[in-house]
């Protein structure tokens, strides 16, 4: 068994189930972006280049750490200006916890939300037709 795979601890008559940390990243990333008030997830330069080439990176802005005590997630988000940051952060934590429990049956030890920026709505000025 690879070090980068999470063993579910359950074995059926057909075999065992293992979940890669990348799967947890994708689930957490999608669950985060579903919350109202989240503008975007923070990624690194390489992720930005890959997205410009047309491939979506749904695990962007999510760091998964498998520890002895359990799974620790760090989520890096940009929020819309004017939202209640503590309220949106709580909703992110709840949504991720529920999504992972529903889809994988895994319990999380921690979901740490890091707000790394605030975005402002930019509206393009309407051009007048003469």
Protein backbone atom coordinates (compact mmCIF):
# COMPACT_ATOMS: atom_id res chain seq x y z
CA UNK A 1 0.00 0.00 0.00
CA UNK A 2 1.30 3.44 -0.94
CA UNK A 3 1.95 6.12 1.67
CA UNK A 4 -0.19 8.53 -0.37
CA UNK A 5 -3.38 6.49 -0.12
CA UNK A 6 -5.87 6.57 2.74
CA UNK A 7 -7.03 3.11 3.79
CA UNK A 8 -10.70 3.22 4.70
CA UNK A 9 -10.22 0.52 7.33
CA UNK A 10 -13.15 -1.40 5.89
CA UNK A 11 -12.79 -4.59 3.96
CA UNK A 12 -15.64 -6.17 2.12
CA UNK A 13 -15.80 -9.60 0.58
CA UNK A 14 -14.66 -8.02 -2.69
CA UNK A 15 -11.55 -6.30 -1.33
CA UNK A 16 -10.50 -3.10 0.40
CA UNK A 17 -11.30 0.52 -0.40
CA UNK A 18 -8.54 3.11 -0.56
CA UNK A 19 -8.96 6.83 -1.22
CA UNK A 20 -6.16 9.03 -2.57
CA UNK A 21 -5.66 12.42 -0.90
CA UNK A 22 -6.26 14.04 -4.30
CA UNK A 23 -9.87 12.81 -4.13
CA UNK A 24 -10.30 14.52 -0.77
CA UNK A 25 -8.81 17.70 -2.27
CA UNK A 26 -11.31 17.69 -5.13
CA UNK A 27 -14.31 17.05 -2.87
CA UNK A 28 -13.23 19.79 -0.44
CA UNK A 29 -12.50 22.23 -3.25
CA UNK A 30 -15.90 21.74 -4.86
CA UNK A 31 -17.68 21.92 -1.50
CA UNK A 32 -15.88 25.21 -0.74
CA UNK A 33 -16.79 26.90 -4.00
CA UNK A 34 -20.48 25.99 -3.50
CA UNK A 35 -20.69 28.34 -0.49
CA UNK A 36 -22.09 31.81 -1.19
CA UNK A 37 -19.47 34.47 -0.50
CA UNK A 38 -16.49 32.47 -1.78
CA UNK A 39 -15.04 34.23 -4.81
CA UNK A 40 -12.24 31.78 -5.65
CA UNK A 41 -9.74 29.32 -4.29
CA UNK A 42 -6.08 30.26 -4.07
CA UNK A 43 -3.74 28.26 -6.22
CA UNK A 44 -0.09 28.38 -7.11
CA UNK A 45 1.41 29.71 -10.35
CA UNK A 46 1.46 26.28 -12.03
CA UNK A 47 -2.23 25.72 -11.28
CA UNK A 48 -3.05 29.09 -12.83
CA UNK A 49 -1.13 28.25 -16.01
CA UNK A 50 -2.85 24.86 -16.29
CA UNK A 51 -6.29 26.51 -15.87
CA UNK A 52 -5.51 29.00 -18.62
CA UNK A 53 -4.77 26.05 -20.89
CA UNK A 54 -8.30 24.79 -20.30
CA UNK A 55 -7.94 22.17 -17.56
CA UNK A 56 -9.86 22.86 -14.35
CA UNK A 57 -8.02 22.11 -11.11
CA UNK A 58 -10.77 21.36 -8.57
CA UNK A 59 -8.27 20.64 -5.79
CA UNK A 60 -6.75 24.12 -6.02
CA UNK A 61 -6.45 25.89 -2.68
CA UNK A 62 -6.77 22.72 -0.61
CA UNK A 63 -4.00 21.06 1.39
CA UNK A 64 -4.64 17.59 2.83
CA UNK A 65 -2.54 16.29 5.71
CA UNK A 66 -2.94 12.72 6.91
CA UNK A 67 -1.88 12.56 10.56
CA UNK A 68 -2.01 9.91 13.27
CA UNK A 69 -4.97 11.73 14.85
CA UNK A 70 -6.95 12.12 11.62
CA UNK A 71 -7.31 14.18 8.47
CA UNK A 72 -6.44 17.88 8.60
CA UNK A 73 -7.55 20.15 5.77
CA UNK A 74 -6.27 23.65 5.07
CA UNK A 75 -8.50 25.66 2.71
CA UNK A 76 -7.22 28.88 1.10
CA UNK A 77 -10.01 31.13 -0.22
CA UNK A 78 -10.71 34.58 -1.57
CA UNK A 79 -14.03 36.04 -0.45
CA UNK A 80 -16.35 38.62 -1.92
CA UNK A 81 -16.25 42.07 -0.35
CA UNK A 82 -19.07 42.70 2.11
CA UNK A 83 -19.72 39.14 3.33
CA UNK A 84 -19.40 38.09 6.95
CA UNK A 85 -16.06 36.28 6.93
CA UNK A 86 -16.68 34.25 10.14
CA UNK A 87 -20.11 33.15 8.91
CA UNK A 88 -18.86 32.16 5.44
CA UNK A 89 -15.86 30.35 6.96
CA UNK A 90 -18.22 28.36 9.23
CA UNK A 91 -20.37 27.46 6.22
CA UNK A 92 -17.26 26.30 4.34
CA UNK A 93 -16.26 24.07 7.26
CA UNK A 94 -19.77 22.61 7.56
CA UNK A 95 -20.15 22.05 3.81
CA UNK A 96 -16.77 20.28 3.51
CA UNK A 97 -17.39 18.12 6.57
CA UNK A 98 -20.83 17.08 5.26
CA UNK A 99 -19.62 16.44 1.69
CA UNK A 100 -16.72 14.25 2.83
CA UNK A 101 -18.89 12.34 5.28
CA UNK A 102 -21.56 11.73 2.64
CA UNK A 103 -19.22 10.78 -0.21
CA UNK A 104 -16.47 8.88 1.62
CA UNK A 105 -17.66 8.20 5.16
CA UNK A 106 -14.52 9.90 6.48
CA UNK A 107 -14.52 12.12 9.58
CA UNK A 108 -12.21 15.14 9.64
CA UNK A 109 -10.09 16.20 12.59
CA UNK A 110 -9.76 19.82 11.45
CA UNK A 111 -10.88 22.09 8.63
CA UNK A 112 -8.79 25.26 8.76
CA UNK A 113 -10.04 28.12 6.57
CA UNK A 114 -7.43 30.69 5.52
CA UNK A 115 -8.84 33.87 3.98
CA UNK A 116 -6.07 35.08 1.70
CA UNK A 117 -7.89 37.90 -0.03
CA UNK A 118 -11.04 39.83 -0.73
CA UNK A 119 -12.34 40.49 -4.23
CA UNK A 120 -14.42 43.44 -5.32
CA UNK A 121 -17.19 43.19 -7.88
CA UNK A 122 -16.02 44.93 -10.98
CA UNK A 123 -18.71 46.03 -13.33
CA UNK A 124 -17.97 47.17 -16.84
CA UNK A 125 -19.38 50.58 -17.65
CA UNK A 126 -22.23 50.34 -20.12
CA UNK A 127 -21.50 51.91 -23.47
CA UNK A 128 -24.14 54.25 -24.71
CA UNK A 129 -25.53 53.72 -28.17
CA UNK A 130 -26.01 56.87 -30.22
